[in-house]
Amino acid sequence: IARSEAENARISIRNIRRDANNDVKDFLKEKEISEDEARRGEDQIQKLTDEMIKQADQLLSGKENDLMAL
């Protein structure tokens, strides 16, 4: 159960990343931001995504350790 919840969290995080990147592309298409700003935005989105997935993996690892201790 814990692994499936962690996988669902990862999927949700990736979906949020996709939506955010689409927003950045829309802003670029409408010329509301420059290409440099779009690249920086995409890089920041990726860094946040990596951090959140790492956090989800750490929570899963901690939960698995707790369950193994029982």
PDB file of N, CA and C in Angstrom:
ATOM      1  N   ILE A   1       0.835  -1.195   0.000  1.00  0.00           N
ATOM      2  CA  ILE A   1       0.000   0.000   0.000  1.00  0.00           C
ATOM      3  C   ILE A   1       0.876   1.254   0.000  1.00  0.00           C
ATOM      4  N   ALA A   2       1.924   1.250   0.806  1.00  0.00           N
ATOM      5  CA  ALA A   2       2.787   2.427   0.895  1.00  0.00           C
ATOM      6  C   ALA A   2       3.451   2.722  -0.447  1.00  0.00           C
ATOM      7  N   ARG A   3       3.876   1.676  -1.138  1.00  0.00           N
ATOM      8  CA  ARG A   3       4.527   1.885  -2.443  1.00  0.00           C
ATOM      9  C   ARG A   3       3.558   2.459  -3.467  1.00  0.00           C
ATOM     10  N   SER A   4       2.329   1.986  -3.461  1.00  0.00           N
ATOM     11  CA  SER A   4       1.357   2.507  -4.428  1.00  0.00           C
ATOM     12  C   SER A   4       1.023   3.965  -4.125  1.00  0.00           C
ATOM     13  N   GLU A   5       0.957   4.314  -2.841  1.00  0.00           N
ATOM     14  CA  GLU A   5       0.709   5.715  -2.482  1.00  0.00           C
ATOM     15  C   GLU A   5       1.880   6.600  -2.903  1.00  0.00           C
ATOM     16  N   ALA A   6       3.091   6.104  -2.724  1.00  0.00           N
ATOM     17  CA  ALA A   6       4.270   6.868  -3.146  1.00  0.00           C
ATOM     18  C   ALA A   6       4.281   7.037  -4.663  1.00  0.00           C
ATOM     19  N   GLU A   7       3.907   5.997  -5.382  1.00  0.00           N
ATOM     20  CA  GLU A   7       3.848   6.093  -6.848  1.00  0.00           C
ATOM     21  C   GLU A   7       2.774   7.087  -7.274  1.00  0.00           C
ATOM     22  N   ASN A   8       1.631   7.073  -6.590  1.00  0.00           N
ATOM     23  CA  ASN A   8       0.578   8.050  -6.889  1.00  0.00           C
ATOM     24  C   ASN A   8       1.065   9.470  -6.633  1.00  0.00           C
ATOM     25  N   ALA A   9       1.852   9.651  -5.580  1.00  0.00           N
ATOM     26  CA  ALA A   9       2.416  10.971  -5.288  1.00  0.00           C
ATOM     27  C   ALA A   9       3.362  11.400  -6.405  1.00  0.00           C
ATOM     28  N   ARG A  10       4.212  10.477  -6.865  1.00  0.00           N
ATOM     29  CA  ARG A  10       5.143  10.804  -7.957  1.00  0.00           C
ATOM     30  C   ARG A  10       4.389  11.182  -9.226  1.00  0.00           C
ATOM     31  N   ILE A  11       3.332  10.443  -9.523  1.00  0.00           N
ATOM     32  CA  ILE A  11       2.527  10.737 -10.715  1.00  0.00           C
ATOM     33  C   ILE A  11       1.898  12.116 -10.596  1.00  0.00           C
ATOM     34  N   SER A  12       1.364  12.436  -9.424  1.00  0.00           N
ATOM     35  CA  SER A  12       0.758  13.751  -9.214  1.00  0.00           C
ATOM     36  C   SER A  12       1.791  14.859  -9.386  1.00  0.00           C
ATOM     37  N   ILE A  13       2.978  14.645  -8.846  1.00  0.00           N
ATOM     38  CA  ILE A  13       4.049  15.639  -8.968  1.00  0.00           C
ATOM     39  C   ILE A  13       4.417  15.841 -10.432  1.00  0.00           C
ATOM     40  N   ARG A  14       4.529  14.755 -11.179  1.00  0.00           N
ATOM     41  CA  ARG A  14       4.871  14.876 -12.608  1.00  0.00           C
ATOM     42  C   ARG A  14       3.759  15.563 -13.393  1.00  0.00           C
ATOM     43  N   ASN A  15       2.507  15.314 -13.030  1.00  0.00           N
ATOM     44  CA  ASN A  15       1.389  15.985 -13.698  1.00  0.00           C
ATOM     45  C   ASN A  15       1.416  17.486 -13.433  1.00  0.00           C
ATOM     46  N   ILE A  16       1.742  17.864 -12.205  1.00  0.00           N
ATOM     47  CA  ILE A  16       1.854  19.287 -11.875  1.00  0.00           C
ATOM     48  C   ILE A  16       2.989  19.913 -12.676  1.00  0.00           C
ATOM     49  N   ARG A  17       4.118  19.182 -12.798  1.00  0.00           N
ATOM     50  CA  ARG A  17       5.245  19.681 -13.598  1.00  0.00           C
ATOM     51  C   ARG A  17       4.818  19.905 -15.042  1.00  0.00           C
ATOM     52  N   ARG A  18       4.094  18.944 -15.606  1.00  0.00           N
ATOM     53  CA  ARG A  18       3.633  19.062 -16.993  1.00  0.00           C
ATOM     54  C   ARG A  18       2.750  20.297 -17.162  1.00  0.00           C
ATOM     55  N   ASP A  19       1.810  20.496 -16.239  1.00  0.00           N
ATOM     56  CA  ASP A  19       0.921  21.654 -16.321  1.00  0.00           C
ATOM     57  C   ASP A  19       1.701  22.963 -16.206  1.00  0.00           C
ATOM     58  N   ALA A  20       2.658  23.008 -15.290  1.00  0.00           N
ATOM     59  CA  ALA A  20       3.458  24.221 -15.109  1.00  0.00           C
ATOM     60  C   ALA A  20       4.299  24.503 -16.354  1.00  0.00           C
ATOM     61  N   ASN A  21       4.895  23.471 -16.932  1.00  0.00           N
ATOM     62  CA  ASN A  21       5.686  23.664 -18.154  1.00  0.00           C
ATOM     63  C   ASN A  21       4.800  24.118 -19.311  1.00  0.00           C
ATOM     64  N   ASN A  22       3.580  23.596 -19.379  1.00  0.00           N
ATOM     65  CA  ASN A  22       2.649  24.050 -20.416  1.00  0.00           C
ATOM     66  C   ASN A  22       2.303  25.519 -20.229  1.00  0.00           C
ATOM     67  N   ASP A  23       2.140  25.951 -18.977  1.00  0.00           N
ATOM     68  CA  ASP A  23       1.869  27.364 -18.711  1.00  0.00           C
ATOM     69  C   ASP A  23       3.040  28.229 -19.169  1.00  0.00           C
ATOM     70  N   VAL A  24       4.260  27.784 -18.888  1.00  0.00           N
ATOM     71  CA  VAL A  24       5.447  28.532 -19.312  1.00  0.00           C
ATOM     72  C   VAL A  24       5.473  28.634 -20.836  1.00  0.00           C
ATOM     73  N   LYS A  25       5.180  27.535 -21.520  1.00  0.00           N
ATOM     74  CA  LYS A  25       5.170  27.551 -22.987  1.00  0.00           C
ATOM     75  C   LYS A  25       4.090  28.481 -23.524  1.00  0.00           C
ATOM     76  N   ASP A  26       2.933  28.506 -22.863  1.00  0.00           N
ATOM     77  CA  ASP A  26       1.864  29.413 -23.277  1.00  0.00           C
ATOM     78  C   ASP A  26       2.283  30.866 -23.103  1.00  0.00           C
ATOM     79  N   PHE A  27       2.939  31.172 -21.971  1.00  0.00           N
ATOM     80  CA  PHE A  27       3.419  32.535 -21.745  1.00  0.00           C
ATOM     81  C   PHE A  27       4.436  32.922 -22.814  1.00  0.00           C
ATOM     82  N   LEU A  28       5.305  31.989 -23.167  1.00  0.00           N
ATOM     83  CA  LEU A  28       6.311  32.256 -24.193  1.00  0.00           C
ATOM     84  C   LEU A  28       5.642  32.482 -25.547  1.00  0.00           C
ATOM     85  N   LYS A  29       4.652  31.658 -25.846  1.00  0.00           N
ATOM     86  CA  LYS A  29       3.943  31.774 -27.118  1.00  0.00           C
ATOM     87  C   LYS A  29       3.230  33.128 -27.232  1.00  0.00           C
ATOM     88  N   GLU A  30       2.692  33.593 -26.110  1.00  0.00           N
ATOM     89  CA  GLU A  30       1.990  34.881 -26.091  1.00  0.00           C
ATOM     90  C   GLU A  30       2.958  36.054 -25.932  1.00  0.00           C
ATOM     91  N   LYS A  31       4.253  35.733 -25.881  1.00  0.00           N
ATOM     92  CA  LYS A  31       5.323  36.729 -25.741  1.00  0.00           C
ATOM     93  C   LYS A  31       5.204  37.531 -24.449  1.00  0.00           C
ATOM     94  N   GLU A  32       4.673  36.880 -23.400  1.00  0.00           N
ATOM     95  CA  GLU A  32       4.592  37.511 -22.086  1.00  0.00           C
ATOM     96  C   GLU A  32       5.907  37.366 -21.327  1.00  0.00           C
ATOM     97  N   ILE A  33       6.727  36.389 -21.744  1.00  0.00           N
ATOM     98  CA  ILE A  33       8.047  36.194 -21.152  1.00  0.00           C
ATOM     99  C   ILE A  33       9.044  35.935 -22.275  1.00  0.00           C
ATOM    100  N   SER A  34      10.324  36.156 -21.960  1.00  0.00           N
ATOM    101  CA  SER A  34      11.371  35.906 -22.958  1.00  0.00           C
ATOM    102  C   SER A  34      11.771  34.430 -22.926  1.00  0.00           C
ATOM    103  N   GLU A  35      12.560  34.032 -23.921  1.00  0.00           N
ATOM    104  CA  GLU A  35      13.031  32.643 -23.964  1.00  0.00           C
ATOM    105  C   GLU A  35      13.928  32.332 -22.773  1.00  0.00           C
ATOM    106  N   ASP A  36      14.729  33.316 -22.349  1.00  0.00           N
ATOM    107  CA  ASP A  36      15.586  33.117 -21.175  1.00  0.00           C
ATOM    108  C   ASP A  36      14.745  32.894 -19.923  1.00  0.00           C
ATOM    109  N   GLU A  37      13.692  33.690 -19.766  1.00  0.00           N
ATOM    110  CA  GLU A  37      12.808  33.524 -18.610  1.00  0.00           C
ATOM    111  C   GLU A  37      12.103  32.172 -18.658  1.00  0.00           C
ATOM    112  N   ALA A  38      11.721  31.747 -19.847  1.00  0.00           N
ATOM    113  CA  ALA A  38      11.068  30.445 -19.998  1.00  0.00           C
ATOM    114  C   ALA A  38      12.028  29.332 -19.602  1.00  0.00           C
ATOM    115  N   ARG A  39      13.272  29.405 -20.040  1.00  0.00           N
ATOM    116  CA  ARG A  39      14.272  28.385 -19.712  1.00  0.00           C
ATOM    117  C   ARG A  39      14.512  28.351 -18.200  1.00  0.00           C
ATOM    118  N   ARG A  40      14.640  29.548 -17.589  1.00  0.00           N
ATOM    119  CA  ARG A  40      14.830  29.598 -16.136  1.00  0.00           C
ATOM    120  C   ARG A  40      13.630  29.013 -15.404  1.00  0.00           C
ATOM    121  N   GLY A  41      12.438  29.329 -15.888  1.00  0.00           N
ATOM    122  CA  GLY A  41      11.224  28.798 -15.278  1.00  0.00           C
ATOM    123  C   GLY A  41      11.167  27.285 -15.365  1.00  0.00           C
ATOM    124  N   GLU A  42      11.489  26.749 -16.530  1.00  0.00           N
ATOM    125  CA  GLU A  42      11.490  25.291 -16.699  1.00  0.00           C
ATOM    126  C   GLU A  42      12.542  24.632 -15.811  1.00  0.00           C
ATOM    127  N   ASP A  43      13.698  25.278 -15.672  1.00  0.00           N
ATOM    128  CA  ASP A  43      14.743  24.735 -14.797  1.00  0.00           C
ATOM    129  C   ASP A  43      14.288  24.728 -13.339  1.00  0.00           C
ATOM    130  N   GLN A  44      13.640  25.812 -12.911  1.00  0.00           N
ATOM    131  CA  GLN A  44      13.142  25.881 -11.535  1.00  0.00           C
ATOM    132  C   GLN A  44      12.056  24.839 -11.296  1.00  0.00           C
ATOM    133  N   ILE A  45      11.183  24.671 -12.272  1.00  0.00           N
ATOM    134  CA  ILE A  45      10.122  23.663 -12.159  1.00  0.00           C
ATOM    135  C   ILE A  45      10.742  22.280 -12.021  1.00  0.00           C
ATOM    136  N   GLN A  46      11.779  21.987 -12.806  1.00  0.00           N
ATOM    137  CA  GLN A  46      12.431  20.675 -12.737  1.00  0.00           C
ATOM    138  C   GLN A  46      13.110  20.468 -11.392  1.00  0.00           C
ATOM    139  N   LYS A  47      13.772  21.512 -10.872  1.00  0.00           N
ATOM    140  CA  LYS A  47      14.427  21.389  -9.568  1.00  0.00           C
ATOM    141  C   LYS A  47      13.401  21.098  -8.475  1.00  0.00           C
ATOM    142  N   LEU A  48      12.282  21.819  -8.502  1.00  0.00           N
ATOM    143  CA  LEU A  48      11.233  21.578  -7.510  1.00  0.00           C
ATOM    144  C   LEU A  48      10.663  20.173  -7.648  1.00  0.00           C
ATOM    145  N   THR A  49      10.477  19.737  -8.884  1.00  0.00           N
ATOM    146  CA  THR A  49       9.963  18.384  -9.128  1.00  0.00           C
ATOM    147  C   THR A  49      10.917  17.346  -8.550  1.00  0.00           C
ATOM    148  N   ASP A  50      12.204  17.509  -8.814  1.00  0.00           N
ATOM    149  CA  ASP A  50      13.199  16.566  -8.295  1.00  0.00           C
ATOM    150  C   ASP A  50      13.190  16.539  -6.768  1.00  0.00           C
ATOM    151  N   GLU A  51      13.086  17.720  -6.145  1.00  0.00           N
ATOM    152  CA  GLU A  51      13.054  17.794  -4.684  1.00  0.00           C
ATOM    153  C   GLU A  51      11.826  17.090  -4.120  1.00  0.00           C
ATOM    154  N   MET A  52      10.677  17.309  -4.731  1.00  0.00           N
ATOM    155  CA  MET A  52       9.443  16.717  -4.223  1.00  0.00           C
ATOM    156  C   MET A  52       9.432  15.196  -4.403  1.00  0.00           C
ATOM    157  N   ILE A  53       9.950  14.717  -5.524  1.00  0.00           N
ATOM    158  CA  ILE A  53      10.019  13.270  -5.740  1.00  0.00           C
ATOM    159  C   ILE A  53      11.000  12.645  -4.752  1.00  0.00           C
ATOM    160  N   LYS A  54      12.113  13.329  -4.506  1.00  0.00           N
ATOM    161  CA  LYS A  54      13.080  12.836  -3.523  1.00  0.00           C
ATOM    162  C   LYS A  54      12.435  12.763  -2.142  1.00  0.00           C
ATOM    163  N   GLN A  55      11.658  13.781  -1.795  1.00  0.00           N
ATOM    164  CA  GLN A  55      10.980  13.795  -0.502  1.00  0.00           C
ATOM    165  C   GLN A  55       9.970  12.648  -0.407  1.00  0.00           C
ATOM    166  N   ALA A  56       9.227  12.399  -1.465  1.00  0.00           N
ATOM    167  CA  ALA A  56       8.267  11.291  -1.475  1.00  0.00           C
ATOM    168  C   ALA A  56       8.996   9.960  -1.309  1.00  0.00           C
ATOM    169  N   ASP A  57      10.137   9.808  -1.974  1.00  0.00           N
ATOM    170  CA  ASP A  57      10.920   8.577  -1.853  1.00  0.00           C
ATOM    171  C   ASP A  57      11.458   8.397  -0.431  1.00  0.00           C
ATOM    172  N   GLN A  58      11.883   9.508   0.194  1.00  0.00           N
ATOM    173  CA  GLN A  58      12.376   9.430   1.567  1.00  0.00           C
ATOM    174  C   GLN A  58      11.254   9.040   2.529  1.00  0.00           C
ATOM    175  N   LEU A  59      10.072   9.594   2.317  1.00  0.00           N
ATOM    176  CA  LEU A  59       8.933   9.228   3.158  1.00  0.00           C
ATOM    177  C   LEU A  59       8.604   7.748   2.997  1.00  0.00           C
ATOM    178  N   LEU A  60       8.651   7.264   1.767  1.00  0.00           N
ATOM    179  CA  LEU A  60       8.395   5.846   1.518  1.00  0.00           C
ATOM    180  C   LEU A  60       9.436   4.986   2.227  1.00  0.00           C
ATOM    181  N   SER A  61      10.691   5.349   2.113  1.00  0.00           N
ATOM    182  CA  SER A  61      11.760   4.588   2.750  1.00  0.00           C
ATOM    183  C   SER A  61      11.570   4.550   4.262  1.00  0.00           C
ATOM    184  N   GLY A  62      11.227   5.688   4.845  1.00  0.00           N
ATOM    185  CA  GLY A  62      10.983   5.743   6.287  1.00  0.00           C
ATOM    186  C   GLY A  62       9.812   4.870   6.692  1.00  0.00           C
ATOM    187  N   LYS A  63       8.760   4.899   5.909  1.00  0.00           N
ATOM    188  CA  LYS A  63       7.576   4.095   6.207  1.00  0.00           C
ATOM    189  C   LYS A  63       7.898   2.613   6.075  1.00  0.00           C
ATOM    190  N   GLU A  64       8.654   2.243   5.042  1.00  0.00           N
ATOM    191  CA  GLU A  64       9.036   0.836   4.881  1.00  0.00           C
ATOM    192  C   GLU A  64       9.882   0.361   6.060  1.00  0.00           C
ATOM    193  N   ASN A  65      10.792   1.217   6.530  1.00  0.00           N
ATOM    194  CA  ASN A  65      11.620   0.862   7.688  1.00  0.00           C
ATOM    195  C   ASN A  65      10.757   0.680   8.932  1.00  0.00           C
ATOM    196  N   ASP A  66       9.771   1.566   9.112  1.00  0.00           N
ATOM    197  CA  ASP A  66       8.855   1.445  10.250  1.00  0.00           C
ATOM    198  C   ASP A  66       8.091   0.131  10.188  1.00  0.00           C
ATOM    199  N   LEU A  67       7.625  -0.223   9.006  1.00  0.00           N
ATOM    200  CA  LEU A  67       6.852  -1.451   8.860  1.00  0.00           C
ATOM    201  C   LEU A  67       7.721  -2.691   9.065  1.00  0.00           C
ATOM    202  N   MET A  68       8.973  -2.632   8.640  1.00  0.00           N
ATOM    203  CA  MET A  68       9.870  -3.769   8.820  1.00  0.00           C
ATOM    204  C   MET A  68      10.218  -3.962  10.298  1.00  0.00           C
ATOM    205  N   ALA A  69      10.201  -2.881  11.068  1.00  0.00           N
ATOM    206  CA  ALA A  69      10.517  -2.961  12.496  1.00  0.00           C
ATOM    207  C   ALA A  69       9.411  -3.667  13.267  1.00  0.00           C
ATOM    208  N   LEU A  70       8.208  -3.679  12.703  1.00  0.00           N
ATOM    209  CA  LEU A  70       7.099  -4.350  13.389  1.00  0.00           C
ATOM    210  C   LEU A  70       7.248  -5.792  13.248  1.00  0.00           C
TER     211      LEU A  70
END
